[in-house]
């Protein structure tokens, strides 16, 4: 597993929609995967500390799935994308909604198969 090769994708509060400002990052990820056909991708969905643990796990799953769906529209087959929800497990608790924005993301981790 290799992190940091591709940028994280950020989401709005309580949202799993890929924003227009984040789509170029997914285009970059698709281009990387096209150029490295032996690599796969692990998408980790993350949330801030607002909401219950159960809700945040579901939201993290929705975020990971929306990334997978978007990459599928860019020609990356679903077999090359694994998804995992981390929910709010790694979030810093007690931050304001604004400061928690860095926790509302999906990390793209390259898997060398």
N, C-alpha and C. Protein backbone atom coordinates (compact mmCIF):
# COMPACT_ATOMS: atom_id res chain seq x y z
N UNK A 1 0.84 -1.18 0.00
CA UNK A 1 0.00 0.00 0.00
C UNK A 1 0.88 1.24 0.00
N UNK A 2 0.48 2.19 -0.82
CA UNK A 2 1.23 3.43 -0.92
C UNK A 2 0.26 4.60 -0.81
N UNK A 3 0.40 5.37 0.25
CA UNK A 3 -0.40 6.57 0.42
C UNK A 3 0.37 7.78 -0.06
N UNK A 4 -0.33 8.86 -0.32
CA UNK A 4 0.32 10.10 -0.70
C UNK A 4 0.64 10.24 -2.18
N UNK A 5 0.39 9.19 -2.97
CA UNK A 5 0.62 9.28 -4.41
C UNK A 5 -0.48 10.11 -5.06
N UNK A 6 -1.71 9.89 -4.60
CA UNK A 6 -2.88 10.59 -5.13
C UNK A 6 -3.49 11.47 -4.05
N UNK A 7 -4.06 12.60 -4.41
CA UNK A 7 -4.61 13.51 -3.40
C UNK A 7 -5.92 12.98 -2.80
N UNK A 8 -6.20 13.41 -1.60
CA UNK A 8 -7.47 13.10 -0.95
C UNK A 8 -8.59 13.90 -1.60
N UNK A 9 -9.80 13.35 -1.53
CA UNK A 9 -10.98 14.01 -2.06
C UNK A 9 -11.79 14.50 -0.86
N UNK A 10 -12.18 15.77 -0.86
CA UNK A 10 -12.88 16.35 0.28
C UNK A 10 -14.37 16.52 -0.03
N UNK A 11 -15.18 16.41 1.02
CA UNK A 11 -16.63 16.48 0.93
C UNK A 11 -17.16 17.58 1.82
N UNK A 12 -18.35 18.06 1.49
CA UNK A 12 -19.05 19.00 2.34
C UNK A 12 -19.61 18.29 3.56
N UNK A 13 -20.06 19.06 4.52
CA UNK A 13 -20.62 18.52 5.75
C UNK A 13 -21.81 17.62 5.42
N UNK A 14 -21.81 16.41 5.95
CA UNK A 14 -22.90 15.45 5.81
C UNK A 14 -23.22 15.14 4.35
N UNK A 15 -22.21 15.13 3.50
CA UNK A 15 -22.41 14.91 2.08
C UNK A 15 -21.50 13.79 1.57
N UNK A 16 -22.00 13.09 0.56
CA UNK A 16 -21.18 12.09 -0.12
C UNK A 16 -21.10 12.40 -1.61
N UNK A 17 -21.52 13.60 -2.01
CA UNK A 17 -21.46 14.02 -3.41
C UNK A 17 -20.07 14.55 -3.72
N UNK A 18 -19.55 14.14 -4.87
CA UNK A 18 -18.25 14.64 -5.31
C UNK A 18 -18.45 16.04 -5.88
N UNK A 19 -17.84 17.01 -5.23
CA UNK A 19 -17.98 18.40 -5.66
C UNK A 19 -17.20 18.69 -6.93
N UNK A 20 -17.63 19.70 -7.64
CA UNK A 20 -16.98 20.07 -8.90
C UNK A 20 -15.49 20.36 -8.70
N UNK A 21 -15.13 20.96 -7.58
CA UNK A 21 -13.73 21.31 -7.32
C UNK A 21 -12.85 20.09 -7.08
N UNK A 22 -13.44 18.94 -6.78
CA UNK A 22 -12.68 17.72 -6.49
C UNK A 22 -12.57 16.80 -7.70
N UNK A 23 -13.31 17.06 -8.74
CA UNK A 23 -13.35 16.14 -9.89
C UNK A 23 -12.03 16.06 -10.64
N UNK A 24 -11.27 17.13 -10.68
CA UNK A 24 -9.97 17.07 -11.36
C UNK A 24 -9.02 16.11 -10.64
N UNK A 25 -9.16 15.99 -9.33
CA UNK A 25 -8.34 15.04 -8.58
C UNK A 25 -8.69 13.61 -8.98
N UNK A 26 -9.97 13.36 -9.22
CA UNK A 26 -10.37 12.01 -9.64
C UNK A 26 -9.95 11.74 -11.08
N UNK A 27 -9.92 12.76 -11.91
CA UNK A 27 -9.38 12.61 -13.26
C UNK A 27 -7.91 12.23 -13.18
N UNK A 28 -7.18 12.87 -12.27
CA UNK A 28 -5.78 12.56 -12.06
C UNK A 28 -5.62 11.11 -11.60
N UNK A 29 -6.48 10.65 -10.70
CA UNK A 29 -6.42 9.27 -10.22
C UNK A 29 -6.69 8.29 -11.35
N UNK A 30 -7.69 8.60 -12.19
CA UNK A 30 -8.01 7.73 -13.32
C UNK A 30 -6.83 7.65 -14.30
N UNK A 31 -6.20 8.78 -14.57
CA UNK A 31 -5.04 8.79 -15.46
C UNK A 31 -3.89 7.96 -14.87
N UNK A 32 -3.67 8.08 -13.57
CA UNK A 32 -2.64 7.29 -12.91
C UNK A 32 -2.93 5.79 -13.07
N UNK A 33 -4.17 5.40 -12.82
CA UNK A 33 -4.53 3.98 -12.92
C UNK A 33 -4.44 3.47 -14.36
N UNK A 34 -4.76 4.32 -15.32
CA UNK A 34 -4.63 3.93 -16.73
C UNK A 34 -3.16 3.71 -17.09
N UNK A 35 -2.26 4.52 -16.55
CA UNK A 35 -0.84 4.41 -16.84
C UNK A 35 -0.17 3.29 -16.04
N UNK A 36 -0.81 2.82 -14.98
CA UNK A 36 -0.25 1.79 -14.11
C UNK A 36 -1.28 0.67 -13.96
N UNK A 37 -1.44 -0.10 -15.02
CA UNK A 37 -2.51 -1.09 -15.09
C UNK A 37 -2.38 -2.20 -14.04
N UNK A 38 -1.21 -2.37 -13.47
CA UNK A 38 -1.03 -3.40 -12.45
C UNK A 38 -1.45 -2.92 -11.05
N UNK A 39 -1.72 -1.64 -10.91
CA UNK A 39 -2.11 -1.07 -9.62
C UNK A 39 -3.62 -1.05 -9.46
N UNK A 40 -4.03 -1.16 -8.22
CA UNK A 40 -5.44 -1.04 -7.83
C UNK A 40 -5.53 0.12 -6.85
N UNK A 41 -6.73 0.41 -6.40
CA UNK A 41 -6.93 1.56 -5.52
C UNK A 41 -7.78 1.15 -4.33
N UNK A 42 -7.38 1.57 -3.14
CA UNK A 42 -8.19 1.45 -1.94
C UNK A 42 -8.71 2.85 -1.63
N UNK A 43 -10.03 2.97 -1.55
CA UNK A 43 -10.66 4.24 -1.22
C UNK A 43 -11.16 4.14 0.22
N UNK A 44 -10.60 4.96 1.09
CA UNK A 44 -11.00 4.99 2.50
C UNK A 44 -11.89 6.21 2.74
N UNK A 45 -13.14 5.96 3.14
CA UNK A 45 -14.07 7.04 3.45
C UNK A 45 -13.94 7.47 4.90
N UNK A 46 -13.74 8.76 5.12
CA UNK A 46 -13.57 9.32 6.47
C UNK A 46 -14.65 10.36 6.76
N UNK A 47 -14.91 10.57 8.04
CA UNK A 47 -15.90 11.56 8.49
C UNK A 47 -15.33 12.36 9.65
N UNK A 48 -15.98 13.47 9.95
CA UNK A 48 -15.62 14.21 11.15
C UNK A 48 -16.32 13.57 12.36
N UNK A 49 -16.14 14.15 13.51
CA UNK A 49 -16.65 13.54 14.74
C UNK A 49 -18.13 13.83 14.98
N UNK A 50 -18.74 14.71 14.21
CA UNK A 50 -20.17 15.02 14.37
C UNK A 50 -20.99 13.81 13.96
N UNK A 51 -22.01 13.50 14.71
CA UNK A 51 -22.86 12.34 14.40
C UNK A 51 -22.42 11.11 15.19
N UNK A 52 -23.24 10.07 15.16
CA UNK A 52 -22.92 8.84 15.88
C UNK A 52 -21.88 8.04 15.11
N UNK A 53 -21.22 7.15 15.79
CA UNK A 53 -20.24 6.27 15.14
C UNK A 53 -20.88 5.46 14.02
N UNK A 54 -22.08 4.96 14.29
CA UNK A 54 -22.79 4.15 13.30
C UNK A 54 -23.12 4.97 12.05
N UNK A 55 -23.64 6.17 12.27
CA UNK A 55 -23.98 7.03 11.14
C UNK A 55 -22.72 7.36 10.32
N UNK A 56 -21.64 7.67 11.01
CA UNK A 56 -20.40 8.05 10.32
C UNK A 56 -19.81 6.88 9.54
N UNK A 57 -19.96 5.66 10.02
CA UNK A 57 -19.49 4.51 9.24
C UNK A 57 -20.28 4.39 7.94
N UNK A 58 -21.58 4.62 8.01
CA UNK A 58 -22.41 4.57 6.80
C UNK A 58 -22.04 5.71 5.86
N UNK A 59 -21.84 6.90 6.40
CA UNK A 59 -21.47 8.05 5.57
C UNK A 59 -20.10 7.83 4.93
N UNK A 60 -19.17 7.29 5.67
CA UNK A 60 -17.85 6.97 5.11
C UNK A 60 -17.96 5.97 3.97
N UNK A 61 -18.86 5.00 4.13
CA UNK A 61 -19.11 4.02 3.07
C UNK A 61 -19.71 4.70 1.84
N UNK A 62 -20.66 5.60 2.05
CA UNK A 62 -21.26 6.32 0.93
C UNK A 62 -20.21 7.17 0.20
N UNK A 63 -19.31 7.77 0.94
CA UNK A 63 -18.25 8.57 0.32
C UNK A 63 -17.32 7.70 -0.52
N UNK A 64 -16.92 6.57 0.02
CA UNK A 64 -16.06 5.65 -0.73
C UNK A 64 -16.77 5.15 -1.99
N UNK A 65 -18.04 4.83 -1.86
CA UNK A 65 -18.80 4.35 -3.01
C UNK A 65 -18.97 5.43 -4.06
N UNK A 66 -19.16 6.68 -3.66
CA UNK A 66 -19.32 7.74 -4.65
C UNK A 66 -18.02 7.95 -5.43
N UNK A 67 -16.89 7.77 -4.78
CA UNK A 67 -15.61 7.86 -5.48
C UNK A 67 -15.50 6.72 -6.48
N UNK A 68 -15.83 5.51 -6.04
CA UNK A 68 -15.79 4.36 -6.95
C UNK A 68 -16.71 4.54 -8.14
N UNK A 69 -17.92 5.04 -7.89
CA UNK A 69 -18.87 5.28 -8.98
C UNK A 69 -18.34 6.32 -9.96
N UNK A 70 -17.74 7.37 -9.44
CA UNK A 70 -17.22 8.42 -10.32
C UNK A 70 -16.06 7.89 -11.15
N UNK A 71 -15.17 7.12 -10.54
CA UNK A 71 -14.06 6.55 -11.30
C UNK A 71 -14.56 5.58 -12.37
N UNK A 72 -15.65 4.89 -12.08
CA UNK A 72 -16.25 4.00 -13.07
C UNK A 72 -16.69 4.80 -14.31
N UNK A 73 -17.24 6.00 -14.10
CA UNK A 73 -17.64 6.83 -15.25
C UNK A 73 -16.44 7.31 -16.05
N UNK A 74 -15.25 7.28 -15.42
CA UNK A 74 -14.02 7.68 -16.10
C UNK A 74 -13.31 6.49 -16.73
N UNK A 75 -13.94 5.30 -16.67
CA UNK A 75 -13.40 4.13 -17.34
C UNK A 75 -12.58 3.19 -16.47
N UNK A 76 -12.55 3.42 -15.17
CA UNK A 76 -11.82 2.52 -14.26
C UNK A 76 -12.79 1.45 -13.79
N UNK A 77 -12.48 0.19 -14.06
CA UNK A 77 -13.39 -0.89 -13.72
C UNK A 77 -13.50 -1.06 -12.21
N UNK A 78 -14.69 -1.40 -11.72
CA UNK A 78 -14.90 -1.58 -10.27
C UNK A 78 -13.99 -2.65 -9.65
N UNK A 79 -13.52 -3.60 -10.44
CA UNK A 79 -12.63 -4.64 -9.91
C UNK A 79 -11.29 -4.08 -9.44
N UNK A 80 -10.95 -2.90 -9.90
CA UNK A 80 -9.67 -2.29 -9.52
C UNK A 80 -9.80 -1.37 -8.31
N UNK A 81 -11.01 -1.27 -7.75
CA UNK A 81 -11.23 -0.35 -6.64
C UNK A 81 -11.80 -1.10 -5.44
N UNK A 82 -11.09 -1.02 -4.33
CA UNK A 82 -11.58 -1.56 -3.07
C UNK A 82 -12.03 -0.37 -2.21
N UNK A 83 -13.04 -0.61 -1.39
CA UNK A 83 -13.59 0.49 -0.59
C UNK A 83 -13.65 0.09 0.88
N UNK A 84 -13.39 1.06 1.73
CA UNK A 84 -13.38 0.84 3.17
C UNK A 84 -13.87 2.10 3.86
N UNK A 85 -14.76 1.95 4.81
CA UNK A 85 -15.21 3.09 5.60
C UNK A 85 -14.47 3.10 6.92
N UNK A 86 -13.85 4.22 7.21
CA UNK A 86 -13.23 4.43 8.52
C UNK A 86 -14.14 5.28 9.41
N UNK A 87 -15.24 5.79 8.82
CA UNK A 87 -16.15 6.62 9.59
C UNK A 87 -15.40 7.73 10.30
N UNK A 88 -15.67 7.88 11.59
CA UNK A 88 -15.00 8.92 12.39
C UNK A 88 -13.92 8.33 13.29
N UNK A 89 -13.47 7.10 12.99
CA UNK A 89 -12.49 6.43 13.85
C UNK A 89 -11.20 7.21 14.01
N UNK A 90 -10.78 7.92 12.99
CA UNK A 90 -9.51 8.65 13.04
C UNK A 90 -9.71 10.17 13.13
N UNK A 91 -10.94 10.61 13.34
CA UNK A 91 -11.23 12.04 13.39
C UNK A 91 -10.81 12.64 14.73
N UNK A 92 -10.44 13.91 14.69
CA UNK A 92 -10.13 14.64 15.91
C UNK A 92 -11.44 15.17 16.47
N UNK A 93 -11.78 14.75 17.68
CA UNK A 93 -13.06 15.16 18.26
C UNK A 93 -12.98 16.56 18.85
N UNK A 94 -14.14 17.19 18.94
CA UNK A 94 -14.26 18.49 19.58
C UNK A 94 -13.98 19.67 18.69
N UNK A 95 -13.59 19.46 17.45
CA UNK A 95 -13.32 20.57 16.55
C UNK A 95 -14.62 21.16 16.02
N UNK A 96 -14.59 22.40 15.62
CA UNK A 96 -15.75 23.02 14.99
C UNK A 96 -15.99 22.37 13.63
N UNK A 97 -17.15 22.64 13.04
CA UNK A 97 -17.44 22.10 11.71
C UNK A 97 -16.42 22.58 10.69
N UNK A 98 -16.03 23.83 10.81
CA UNK A 98 -15.05 24.37 9.87
C UNK A 98 -13.70 23.68 10.01
N UNK A 99 -13.23 23.54 11.24
CA UNK A 99 -11.93 22.90 11.46
C UNK A 99 -11.98 21.41 11.18
N UNK A 100 -13.15 20.81 11.26
CA UNK A 100 -13.30 19.38 11.00
C UNK A 100 -13.31 19.05 9.52
N UNK A 101 -13.25 20.05 8.67
CA UNK A 101 -13.38 19.82 7.23
C UNK A 101 -12.30 18.88 6.69
N UNK A 102 -11.13 18.87 7.30
CA UNK A 102 -10.07 17.98 6.82
C UNK A 102 -10.37 16.51 7.10
N UNK A 103 -11.28 16.24 8.02
CA UNK A 103 -11.69 14.87 8.31
C UNK A 103 -12.75 14.36 7.35
N UNK A 104 -13.40 15.24 6.62
CA UNK A 104 -14.47 14.85 5.69
C UNK A 104 -13.86 14.59 4.32
N UNK A 105 -13.36 13.36 4.14
CA UNK A 105 -12.58 13.09 2.94
C UNK A 105 -12.62 11.60 2.57
N UNK A 106 -12.09 11.34 1.42
CA UNK A 106 -11.78 9.97 1.00
C UNK A 106 -10.31 9.95 0.63
N UNK A 107 -9.56 9.05 1.24
CA UNK A 107 -8.15 8.90 0.89
C UNK A 107 -8.02 7.86 -0.20
N UNK A 108 -7.16 8.15 -1.17
CA UNK A 108 -6.92 7.24 -2.28
C UNK A 108 -5.55 6.60 -2.08
N UNK A 109 -5.55 5.31 -1.82
CA UNK A 109 -4.31 4.59 -1.51
C UNK A 109 -4.04 3.59 -2.62
N UNK A 110 -2.85 3.69 -3.20
CA UNK A 110 -2.46 2.81 -4.30
C UNK A 110 -2.07 1.44 -3.75
N UNK A 111 -2.65 0.41 -4.35
CA UNK A 111 -2.33 -0.97 -4.00
C UNK A 111 -1.56 -1.58 -5.17
N UNK A 112 -0.35 -2.04 -4.90
CA UNK A 112 0.45 -2.67 -5.94
C UNK A 112 0.19 -4.17 -5.88
N UNK A 113 -0.50 -4.66 -6.90
CA UNK A 113 -0.86 -6.09 -6.92
C UNK A 113 0.19 -6.89 -7.64
